[in-house]
Amino acid sequence: MRVQVGEKRIWFDTLGSSLDDNPRAEERQTILALHGGPGIDHSSVRPTVEPLADLAQILLLDQCGHGRSDRGQPRDWNIESWASDVAELCDALEVRQPILFGSSFGAMVALAVAGLFPDLPSALVISNSGAGLIDHQATREAFRRLGGDHVAEIAWQGLENPGPATTKAYNETCLPFYSHRPGAAELSESMFAIAVRTPEVGQHFQSTIKTLEPAKYAATVECRTLILCGTDDVMVPQSVARSLRDSFPRSRVRLEFVPDAGHFLYRDNPDDAYRLLRTFITQTD
């Protein structure tokens, strides 16, 4: 399904009913899930949020430039444009007070939505992401701790000097350290295989990523917020997660580390990850 958002058509899908099963059939809350990437579609986040469909209706979308949505132009491939699209989509679909769930790259967009449109969400979940807060030196040291000097230097080159050769070496050497369980690289390959991919969007965004200012958005977030990270997430070292938490001066923010988990925290330790996530979603205060 597609909906017109300004000059673009944005593709979306839903999981679960918008109404509960009591005799009065009241509306359920909505979890709006924003996918990782950039350059891949909603299929990257769908398996993560599917188990939450008993708690809420799940709204999935392909952001502009991704998947089945309109491609747009490079001027549309930025955090604030994507955030504005989300707000307009909610207005068009009459989605009120959603819980924003952003995974990896999607958390950057979710944070911007909550900061630019503070009255829109009822809650914000930043999952396995620094939401744009980047410390490549800390990531380099996280790779060094898990994989040694060789892996750390390949990670550093892939992050600081992205290009065909360094990215290929990064994917081959570093992706296995995203998870505590074997098969992380294979999982990433299978995810890419089923996704509708737009690598030009990812390449464009990578050229601008160092200009992101997540603290600017965090400063105006008013809804309750959960930051959920694995203890051994090489992409979001604990120091980065704590700095992100400290940039939220106005909202009620909780930082939770999932033990024995890396970047793929719902794969590594689903029991603790979903327990923390479900407790936050069902909290009423």
C-alpha atoms as a PDB file:
ATOM      1  CA  MET A   1       0.000   0.000   0.000  1.00  0.00           C
ATOM      2  CA  ARG A   2       1.144   3.535  -0.717  1.00  0.00           C
ATOM      3  CA  VAL A   3       0.072   6.912   0.608  1.00  0.00           C
ATOM      4  CA  GLN A   4       0.793  10.336  -0.849  1.00  0.00           C
ATOM      5  CA  VAL A   5       3.163  12.353   1.342  1.00  0.00           C
ATOM      6  CA  GLY A   6       3.807  15.713  -0.233  1.00  0.00           C
ATOM      7  CA  GLU A   7       5.147  14.970  -3.700  1.00  0.00           C
ATOM      8  CA  LYS A   8       6.142  11.400  -2.808  1.00  0.00           C
ATOM      9  CA  ARG A   9       4.338   8.114  -2.446  1.00  0.00           C
ATOM     10  CA  ILE A  10       5.424   6.208   0.649  1.00  0.00           C
ATOM     11  CA  TRP A  11       4.856   2.457   0.884  1.00  0.00           C
ATOM     12  CA  PHE A  12       3.589   1.032   4.169  1.00  0.00           C
ATOM     13  CA  ASP A  13       2.234  -2.186   5.643  1.00  0.00           C
ATOM     14  CA  THR A  14       0.691  -3.212   8.961  1.00  0.00           C
ATOM     15  CA  LEU A  15       0.893  -6.209  11.261  1.00  0.00           C
ATOM     16  CA  GLY A  16      -2.007  -6.952  13.604  1.00  0.00           C
ATOM     17  CA  SER A  17      -5.375  -5.316  14.024  1.00  0.00           C
ATOM     18  CA  SER A  18      -5.889  -1.653  14.904  1.00  0.00           C
ATOM     19  CA  LEU A  19      -8.724  -2.748  17.247  1.00  0.00           C
ATOM     20  CA  ASP A  20      -8.575  -4.879  20.357  1.00  0.00           C
ATOM     21  CA  ASP A  21     -10.797  -7.925  20.853  1.00  0.00           C
ATOM     22  CA  ASN A  22     -12.931  -6.675  23.709  1.00  0.00           C
ATOM     23  CA  PRO A  23     -16.677  -6.126  23.106  1.00  0.00           C
ATOM     24  CA  ARG A  24     -16.234  -2.386  22.575  1.00  0.00           C
ATOM     25  CA  ALA A  25     -13.435  -2.917  19.981  1.00  0.00           C
ATOM     26  CA  GLU A  26     -11.301  -0.014  21.155  1.00  0.00           C
ATOM     27  CA  GLU A  27      -8.291   1.205  19.204  1.00  0.00           C
ATOM     28  CA  ARG A  28      -4.941  -0.314  20.087  1.00  0.00           C
ATOM     29  CA  GLN A  29      -1.709   1.619  20.279  1.00  0.00           C
ATOM     30  CA  THR A  30       0.526   1.742  17.212  1.00  0.00           C
ATOM     31  CA  ILE A  31       4.215   0.918  17.033  1.00  0.00           C
ATOM     32  CA  LEU A  32       5.756   2.691  14.051  1.00  0.00           C
ATOM     33  CA  ALA A  33       8.903   0.771  13.107  1.00  0.00           C
ATOM     34  CA  LEU A  34      11.704   2.479  11.185  1.00  0.00           C
ATOM     35  CA  HIS A  35      14.125   0.263   9.336  1.00  0.00           C
ATOM     36  CA  GLY A  36      17.892   0.054   9.281  1.00  0.00           C
ATOM     37  CA  GLY A  37      20.213   0.849   6.422  1.00  0.00           C
ATOM     38  CA  PRO A  38      20.226   3.191   4.728  1.00  0.00           C
ATOM     39  CA  GLY A  39      19.846   1.525   1.362  1.00  0.00           C
ATOM     40  CA  ILE A  40      17.631  -1.426   2.393  1.00  0.00           C
ATOM     41  CA  ASP A  41      13.894  -1.673   2.949  1.00  0.00           C
ATOM     42  CA  HIS A  42      11.575  -2.468   5.865  1.00  0.00           C
ATOM     43  CA  SER A  43      12.378  -6.201   5.712  1.00  0.00           C
ATOM     44  CA  SER A  44      15.394  -5.537   7.976  1.00  0.00           C
ATOM     45  CA  VAL A  45      13.201  -4.536  10.933  1.00  0.00           C
ATOM     46  CA  ARG A  46      10.090  -6.628  10.298  1.00  0.00           C
ATOM     47  CA  PRO A  47      11.336  -9.822  12.055  1.00  0.00           C
ATOM     48  CA  THR A  48      12.274  -7.763  15.123  1.00  0.00           C
ATOM     49  CA  VAL A  49       8.868  -6.171  15.619  1.00  0.00           C
ATOM     50  CA  GLU A  50       6.635  -9.068  14.524  1.00  0.00           C
ATOM     51  CA  PRO A  51       6.671 -10.618  18.043  1.00  0.00           C
ATOM     52  CA  LEU A  52       5.190  -7.365  19.382  1.00  0.00           C
ATOM     53  CA  ALA A  53       1.985  -7.598  17.334  1.00  0.00           C
ATOM     54  CA  ASP A  54       0.103  -8.955  20.360  1.00  0.00           C
ATOM     55  CA  LEU A  55       0.735  -5.647  22.140  1.00  0.00           C
ATOM     56  CA  ALA A  56      -0.021  -3.159  19.361  1.00  0.00           C
ATOM     57  CA  GLN A  57      -0.635  -2.709  15.695  1.00  0.00           C
ATOM     58  CA  ILE A  58       2.718  -2.512  13.905  1.00  0.00           C
ATOM     59  CA  LEU A  59       3.151   0.058  11.136  1.00  0.00           C
ATOM     60  CA  LEU A  60       6.061  -0.563   8.760  1.00  0.00           C
ATOM     61  CA  LEU A  61       7.208   1.708   5.968  1.00  0.00           C
ATOM     62  CA  ASP A  62       9.890   2.104   3.366  1.00  0.00           C
ATOM     63  CA  GLN A  63      11.416   5.536   3.774  1.00  0.00           C
ATOM     64  CA  CYS A  64      11.782   7.711   0.688  1.00  0.00           C
ATOM     65  CA  GLY A  65      14.541   6.334  -1.516  1.00  0.00           C
ATOM     66  CA  HIS A  66      14.039   2.839  -0.123  1.00  0.00           C
ATOM     67  CA  GLY A  67      12.172  -0.278  -1.130  1.00  0.00           C
ATOM     68  CA  ARG A  68       8.781   0.282  -2.716  1.00  0.00           C
ATOM     69  CA  SER A  69       8.507   3.982  -1.916  1.00  0.00           C
ATOM     70  CA  ASP A  70       9.281   6.677  -4.458  1.00  0.00           C
ATOM     71  CA  ARG A  71      12.982   7.114  -5.027  1.00  0.00           C
ATOM     72  CA  GLY A  72      12.966  10.891  -4.699  1.00  0.00           C
ATOM     73  CA  GLN A  73      16.109  12.953  -5.200  1.00  0.00           C
ATOM     74  CA  PRO A  74      19.362  13.184  -3.192  1.00  0.00           C
ATOM     75  CA  ARG A  75      17.936  16.293  -1.517  1.00  0.00           C
ATOM     76  CA  ASP A  76      15.290  13.982   0.013  1.00  0.00           C
ATOM     77  CA  TRP A  77      17.840  11.533   1.446  1.00  0.00           C
ATOM     78  CA  ASN A  78      18.523  13.166   4.787  1.00  0.00           C
ATOM     79  CA  ILE A  79      17.375  12.779   8.371  1.00  0.00           C
ATOM     80  CA  GLU A  80      15.079  15.796   8.558  1.00  0.00           C
ATOM     81  CA  SER A  81      13.362  15.015   5.260  1.00  0.00           C
ATOM     82  CA  TRP A  82      12.753  11.421   6.330  1.00  0.00           C
ATOM     83  CA  ALA A  83      11.473  12.631   9.710  1.00  0.00           C
ATOM     84  CA  SER A  84       9.046  15.034   8.038  1.00  0.00           C
ATOM     85  CA  ASP A  85       7.797  12.190   5.843  1.00  0.00           C
ATOM     86  CA  VAL A  86       7.013  10.149   8.960  1.00  0.00           C
ATOM     87  CA  ALA A  87       5.044  13.003  10.505  1.00  0.00           C
ATOM     88  CA  GLU A  88       3.070  13.546   7.290  1.00  0.00           C
ATOM     89  CA  LEU A  89       2.442   9.811   6.945  1.00  0.00           C
ATOM     90  CA  CYS A  90       1.011   9.683  10.463  1.00  0.00           C
ATOM     91  CA  ASP A  91      -1.231  12.615   9.648  1.00  0.00           C
ATOM     92  CA  ALA A  92      -2.452  11.036   6.404  1.00  0.00           C
ATOM     93  CA  LEU A  93      -3.190   7.696   8.095  1.00  0.00           C
ATOM     94  CA  GLU A  94      -4.627   9.343  11.229  1.00  0.00           C
ATOM     95  CA  VAL A  95      -2.073   7.618  13.444  1.00  0.00           C
ATOM     96  CA  ARG A  96      -2.123   9.303  16.837  1.00  0.00           C
ATOM     97  CA  GLN A  97       0.566   9.102  19.509  1.00  0.00           C
ATOM     98  CA  PRO A  98       2.532   6.138  18.083  1.00  0.00           C
ATOM     99  CA  ILE A  99       5.427   4.487  19.839  1.00  0.00           C
ATOM    100  CA  LEU A 100       8.398   5.178  17.572  1.00  0.00           C
ATOM    101  CA  PHE A 101      10.719   2.182  17.258  1.00  0.00           C
ATOM    102  CA  GLY A 102      13.975   2.868  15.441  1.00  0.00           C
ATOM    103  CA  SER A 103      16.498   0.116  14.805  1.00  0.00           C
ATOM    104  CA  SER A 104      20.091   0.964  13.836  1.00  0.00           C
ATOM    105  CA  PHE A 105      19.854   3.687  11.137  1.00  0.00           C
ATOM    106  CA  GLY A 106      16.090   3.897  11.719  1.00  0.00           C
ATOM    107  CA  ALA A 107      16.763   5.162  15.236  1.00  0.00           C
ATOM    108  CA  MET A 108      18.412   8.264  13.744  1.00  0.00           C
ATOM    109  CA  VAL A 109      15.159   9.058  11.958  1.00  0.00           C
ATOM    110  CA  ALA A 110      13.024   8.148  14.987  1.00  0.00           C
ATOM    111  CA  LEU A 111      15.018  10.517  17.197  1.00  0.00           C
ATOM    112  CA  ALA A 112      14.629  13.325  14.665  1.00  0.00           C
ATOM    113  CA  VAL A 113      10.863  12.717  14.501  1.00  0.00           C
ATOM    114  CA  ALA A 114      10.576  12.886  18.292  1.00  0.00           C
ATOM    115  CA  GLY A 115      12.747  16.012  18.452  1.00  0.00           C
ATOM    116  CA  LEU A 116      11.200  17.939  15.559  1.00  0.00           C
ATOM    117  CA  PHE A 117       7.616  16.880  16.329  1.00  0.00           C
ATOM    118  CA  PRO A 118       7.599  16.418  20.107  1.00  0.00           C
ATOM    119  CA  ASP A 119       3.790  16.174  20.299  1.00  0.00           C
ATOM    120  CA  LEU A 120       3.644  13.291  17.822  1.00  0.00           C
ATOM    121  CA  PRO A 121       4.967  10.208  19.690  1.00  0.00           C
ATOM    122  CA  SER A 122       3.839   8.762  22.986  1.00  0.00           C
ATOM    123  CA  ALA A 123       7.209   7.028  23.417  1.00  0.00           C
ATOM    124  CA  LEU A 124      10.524   6.494  21.652  1.00  0.00           C
ATOM    125  CA  VAL A 125      12.649   3.351  21.430  1.00  0.00           C
ATOM    126  CA  ILE A 126      16.231   3.701  20.197  1.00  0.00           C
ATOM    127  CA  SER A 127      17.363   0.149  19.552  1.00  0.00           C
ATOM    128  CA  ASN A 128      20.922  -1.037  18.828  1.00  0.00           C
ATOM    129  CA  SER A 129      21.887   2.433  17.685  1.00  0.00           C
ATOM    130  CA  GLY A 130      23.691   5.578  18.716  1.00  0.00           C
ATOM    131  CA  ALA A 131      21.003   7.451  16.751  1.00  0.00           C
ATOM    132  CA  GLY A 132      23.671   9.363  14.852  1.00  0.00           C
ATOM    133  CA  LEU A 133      26.116   9.767  17.733  1.00  0.00           C
ATOM    134  CA  ILE A 134      29.304   8.383  16.244  1.00  0.00           C
ATOM    135  CA  ASP A 135      32.666   7.622  17.812  1.00  0.00           C
ATOM    136  CA  HIS A 136      34.728   5.617  15.352  1.00  0.00           C
ATOM    137  CA  GLN A 137      37.648   5.476  17.762  1.00  0.00           C
ATOM    138  CA  ALA A 138      35.453   3.805  20.394  1.00  0.00           C
ATOM    139  CA  THR A 139      34.142   1.405  17.744  1.00  0.00           C
ATOM    140  CA  ARG A 140      37.703   0.648  16.663  1.00  0.00           C
ATOM    141  CA  GLU A 141      38.606  -0.254  20.248  1.00  0.00           C
ATOM    142  CA  ALA A 142      35.477  -2.401  20.601  1.00  0.00           C
ATOM    143  CA  PHE A 143      36.544  -4.383  17.538  1.00  0.00           C
ATOM    144  CA  ARG A 144      40.063  -4.608  18.940  1.00  0.00           C
ATOM    145  CA  ARG A 145      38.765  -6.061  22.203  1.00  0.00           C
ATOM    146  CA  LEU A 146      36.749  -8.742  20.398  1.00  0.00           C
ATOM    147  CA  GLY A 147      38.899  -9.436  17.349  1.00  0.00           C
ATOM    148  CA  GLY A 148      42.381  -8.037  17.822  1.00  0.00           C
ATOM    149  CA  ASP A 149      44.468  -5.413  16.056  1.00  0.00           C
ATOM    150  CA  HIS A 150      43.934  -6.707  12.495  1.00  0.00           C
ATOM    151  CA  VAL A 151      40.144  -6.573  12.756  1.00  0.00           C
ATOM    152  CA  ALA A 152      40.276  -3.171  14.452  1.00  0.00           C
ATOM    153  CA  GLU A 153      42.305  -1.643  11.612  1.00  0.00           C
ATOM    154  CA  ILE A 154      40.029  -3.062   8.912  1.00  0.00           C
ATOM    155  CA  ALA A 155      37.048  -1.653  10.813  1.00  0.00           C
ATOM    156  CA  TRP A 156      38.750   1.730  11.081  1.00  0.00           C
ATOM    157  CA  GLN A 157      39.452   1.907   7.350  1.00  0.00           C
ATOM    158  CA  GLY A 158      35.929   0.783   6.468  1.00  0.00           C
ATOM    159  CA  LEU A 159      34.367   3.432   8.688  1.00  0.00           C
ATOM    160  CA  GLU A 160      36.739   6.334   8.051  1.00  0.00           C
ATOM    161  CA  ASN A 161      37.427   5.735   4.352  1.00  0.00           C
ATOM    162  CA  PRO A 162      34.359   4.005   2.899  1.00  0.00           C
ATOM    163  CA  GLY A 163      34.744   2.763  -0.656  1.00  0.00           C
ATOM    164  CA  PRO A 164      34.365  -0.469  -2.646  1.00  0.00           C
ATOM    165  CA  ALA A 165      37.603  -2.059  -1.375  1.00  0.00           C
ATOM    166  CA  THR A 166      37.402  -0.987   2.274  1.00  0.00           C
ATOM    167  CA  THR A 167      33.695  -1.794   2.509  1.00  0.00           C
ATOM    168  CA  LYS A 168      34.244  -5.266   1.044  1.00  0.00           C
ATOM    169  CA  ALA A 169      37.033  -5.945   3.546  1.00  0.00           C
ATOM    170  CA  TYR A 170      34.872  -4.587   6.379  1.00  0.00           C
ATOM    171  CA  ASN A 171      31.917  -6.807   5.465  1.00  0.00           C
ATOM    172  CA  GLU A 172      34.076  -9.910   5.171  1.00  0.00           C
ATOM    173  CA  THR A 173      36.093  -9.370   8.350  1.00  0.00           C
ATOM    174  CA  CYS A 174      33.992  -7.273  10.710  1.00  0.00           C
ATOM    175  CA  LEU A 175      30.386  -8.385  10.280  1.00  0.00           C
ATOM    176  CA  PRO A 176      30.956 -11.641  12.224  1.00  0.00           C
ATOM    177  CA  PHE A 177      31.612  -9.491  15.321  1.00  0.00           C
ATOM    178  CA  TYR A 178      28.126  -7.961  15.163  1.00  0.00           C
ATOM    179  CA  SER A 179      26.742 -11.015  16.971  1.00  0.00           C
ATOM    180  CA  HIS A 180      27.737 -13.398  19.754  1.00  0.00           C
ATOM    181  CA  ARG A 181      26.314 -16.281  17.765  1.00  0.00           C
ATOM    182  CA  PRO A 182      27.939 -17.802  14.664  1.00  0.00           C
ATOM    183  CA  GLY A 183      26.523 -16.874  11.284  1.00  0.00           C
ATOM    184  CA  ALA A 184      26.243 -13.105  11.624  1.00  0.00           C
ATOM    185  CA  ALA A 185      27.788 -12.462   8.212  1.00  0.00           C
ATOM    186  CA  GLU A 186      25.532 -15.077   6.617  1.00  0.00           C
ATOM    187  CA  LEU A 187      22.515 -13.512   8.314  1.00  0.00           C
ATOM    188  CA  SER A 188      23.449 -10.118   6.894  1.00  0.00           C
ATOM    189  CA  GLU A 189      23.851 -11.616   3.427  1.00  0.00           C
ATOM    190  CA  SER A 190      20.444 -13.295   3.599  1.00  0.00           C
ATOM    191  CA  MET A 191      18.859 -10.035   4.781  1.00  0.00           C
ATOM    192  CA  PHE A 192      20.400  -8.175   1.854  1.00  0.00           C
ATOM    193  CA  ALA A 193      19.252 -10.918  -0.521  1.00  0.00           C
ATOM    194  CA  ILE A 194      15.557 -10.483   0.283  1.00  0.00           C
ATOM    195  CA  ALA A 195      15.617  -6.685   0.645  1.00  0.00           C
ATOM    196  CA  VAL A 196      14.886  -4.197  -2.101  1.00  0.00           C
ATOM    197  CA  ARG A 197      18.209  -2.397  -2.114  1.00  0.00           C
ATOM    198  CA  THR A 198      19.106   1.156  -3.138  1.00  0.00           C
ATOM    199  CA  PRO A 199      22.864   1.415  -2.522  1.00  0.00           C
ATOM    200  CA  GLU A 200      23.053   4.907  -3.994  1.00  0.00           C
ATOM    201  CA  VAL A 201      20.996   6.175  -1.036  1.00  0.00           C
ATOM    202  CA  GLY A 202      23.379   4.564   1.427  1.00  0.00           C
ATOM    203  CA  GLN A 203      26.419   5.983  -0.358  1.00  0.00           C
ATOM    204  CA  HIS A 204      24.920   9.474  -0.392  1.00  0.00           C
ATOM    205  CA  PHE A 205      24.040   9.309   3.291  1.00  0.00           C
ATOM    206  CA  GLN A 206      27.482   8.030   4.294  1.00  0.00           C
ATOM    207  CA  SER A 207      29.014  11.129   2.738  1.00  0.00           C
ATOM    208  CA  THR A 208      27.004  13.312   5.131  1.00  0.00           C
ATOM    209  CA  ILE A 209      26.896  11.193   8.288  1.00  0.00           C
ATOM    210  CA  LYS A 210      29.593  13.144  10.142  1.00  0.00           C
ATOM    211  CA  THR A 211      27.400  16.253  10.010  1.00  0.00           C
ATOM    212  CA  LEU A 212      24.638  14.679  12.111  1.00  0.00           C
ATOM    213  CA  GLU A 213      23.792  16.368  15.395  1.00  0.00           C
ATOM    214  CA  PRO A 214      21.655  13.933  17.416  1.00  0.00           C
ATOM    215  CA  ALA A 215      21.923  16.060  20.567  1.00  0.00           C
ATOM    216  CA  LYS A 216      20.025  18.821  18.735  1.00  0.00           C
ATOM    217  CA  TYR A 217      17.008  16.524  18.405  1.00  0.00           C
ATOM    218  CA  ALA A 218      17.399  14.874  21.802  1.00  0.00           C
ATOM    219  CA  ALA A 219      17.255  18.286  23.493  1.00  0.00           C
ATOM    220  CA  THR A 220      13.608  18.771  22.489  1.00  0.00           C
ATOM    221  CA  VAL A 221      12.254  15.227  22.932  1.00  0.00           C
ATOM    222  CA  GLU A 222       9.463  15.195  25.511  1.00  0.00           C
ATOM    223  CA  CYS A 223       8.164  11.617  25.426  1.00  0.00           C
ATOM    224  CA  ARG A 224       9.496   8.775  27.536  1.00  0.00           C
ATOM    225  CA  THR A 225      12.467   7.112  25.871  1.00  0.00           C
ATOM    226  CA  LEU A 226      14.227   3.756  25.997  1.00  0.00           C
ATOM    227  CA  ILE A 227      17.759   3.278  24.673  1.00  0.00           C
ATOM    228  CA  LEU A 228      18.383  -0.450  24.277  1.00  0.00           C
ATOM    229  CA  CYS A 229      21.851  -1.753  23.385  1.00  0.00           C
ATOM    230  CA  GLY A 230      23.860  -4.932  23.634  1.00  0.00           C
ATOM    231  CA  THR A 231      26.743  -4.990  26.105  1.00  0.00           C
ATOM    232  CA  ASP A 232      29.125  -5.902  23.272  1.00  0.00           C
ATOM    233  CA  ASP A 233      27.691  -3.879  20.398  1.00  0.00           C
ATOM    234  CA  VAL A 234      30.740  -2.840  18.393  1.00  0.00           C
ATOM    235  CA  MET A 235      28.742  -0.184  16.564  1.00  0.00           C
ATOM    236  CA  VAL A 236      27.327   1.310  19.763  1.00  0.00           C
ATOM    237  CA  PRO A 237      29.987   0.969  22.469  1.00  0.00           C
ATOM    238  CA  GLN A 238      28.704   1.529  25.986  1.00  0.00           C
ATOM    239  CA  SER A 239      30.401   4.938  26.192  1.00  0.00           C
ATOM    240  CA  VAL A 240      28.439   6.081  23.125  1.00  0.00           C
ATOM    241  CA  ALA A 241      25.147   4.804  24.559  1.00  0.00           C
ATOM    242  CA  ARG A 242      25.768   6.665  27.816  1.00  0.00           C
ATOM    243  CA  SER A 243      26.635   9.889  25.984  1.00  0.00           C
ATOM    244  CA  LEU A 244      23.438   9.574  23.984  1.00  0.00           C
ATOM    245  CA  ARG A 245      21.417   9.098  27.163  1.00  0.00           C
ATOM    246  CA  ASP A 246      22.966  12.218  28.681  1.00  0.00           C
ATOM    247  CA  SER A 247      21.868  14.325  25.692  1.00  0.00           C
ATOM    248  CA  PHE A 248      18.165  13.997  26.643  1.00  0.00           C
ATOM    249  CA  PRO A 249      17.610  16.812  29.164  1.00  0.00           C
ATOM    250  CA  ARG A 250      13.816  16.968  28.974  1.00  0.00           C
ATOM    251  CA  SER A 251      12.423  13.465  28.434  1.00  0.00           C
ATOM    252  CA  ARG A 252      12.240  10.521  30.797  1.00  0.00           C
ATOM    253  CA  VAL A 253      15.028   8.373  29.385  1.00  0.00           C
ATOM    254  CA  ARG A 254      16.174   4.890  30.364  1.00  0.00           C
ATOM    255  CA  LEU A 255      19.322   3.184  29.132  1.00  0.00           C
ATOM    256  CA  GLU A 256      19.293  -0.604  29.284  1.00  0.00           C
ATOM    257  CA  PHE A 257      22.139  -2.902  28.249  1.00  0.00           C
ATOM    258  CA  VAL A 258      21.157  -6.383  27.107  1.00  0.00           C
ATOM    259  CA  PRO A 259      23.748  -8.800  28.520  1.00  0.00           C
ATOM    260  CA  ASP A 260      25.702 -11.168  26.288  1.00  0.00           C
ATOM    261  CA  ALA A 261      24.534  -9.398  23.141  1.00  0.00           C
ATOM    262  CA  GLY A 262      26.087  -7.514  20.253  1.00  0.00           C
ATOM    263  CA  HIS A 263      24.547  -5.386  17.511  1.00  0.00           C
ATOM    264  CA  PHE A 264      22.085  -8.183  16.689  1.00  0.00           C
ATOM    265  CA  LEU A 265      20.771  -8.111  20.230  1.00  0.00           C
ATOM    266  CA  TYR A 266      17.380  -9.746  19.483  1.00  0.00           C
ATOM    267  CA  ARG A 267      19.259 -12.671  17.944  1.00  0.00           C
ATOM    268  CA  ASP A 268      21.899 -12.926  20.662  1.00  0.00           C
ATOM    269  CA  ASN A 269      19.694 -12.641  23.748  1.00  0.00           C
ATOM    270  CA  PRO A 270      16.020 -12.490  22.731  1.00  0.00           C
ATOM    271  CA  ASP A 271      14.729 -13.311  26.219  1.00  0.00           C
ATOM    272  CA  ASP A 272      16.266 -10.271  27.895  1.00  0.00           C
ATOM    273  CA  ALA A 273      15.901  -7.975  24.872  1.00  0.00           C
ATOM    274  CA  TYR A 274      12.180  -8.600  24.447  1.00  0.00           C
ATOM    275  CA  ARG A 275      11.541  -8.595  28.195  1.00  0.00           C
ATOM    276  CA  LEU A 276      12.982  -5.072  28.467  1.00  0.00           C
ATOM    277  CA  LEU A 277      11.247  -3.909  25.305  1.00  0.00           C
ATOM    278  CA  ARG A 278       7.827  -5.308  26.201  1.00  0.00           C
ATOM    279  CA  THR A 279       8.005  -3.889  29.739  1.00  0.00           C
ATOM    280  CA  PHE A 280       8.674  -0.443  28.318  1.00  0.00           C
ATOM    281  CA  ILE A 281       5.899  -0.654  25.705  1.00  0.00           C
ATOM    282  CA  THR A 282       3.271  -1.732  28.231  1.00  0.00           C
ATOM    283  CA  GLN A 283       4.281   0.834  30.853  1.00  0.00           C
ATOM    284  CA  THR A 284       1.484   3.320  31.397  1.00  0.00           C
ATOM    285  CA  ASP A 285       3.004   6.148  33.453  1.00  0.00           C
END
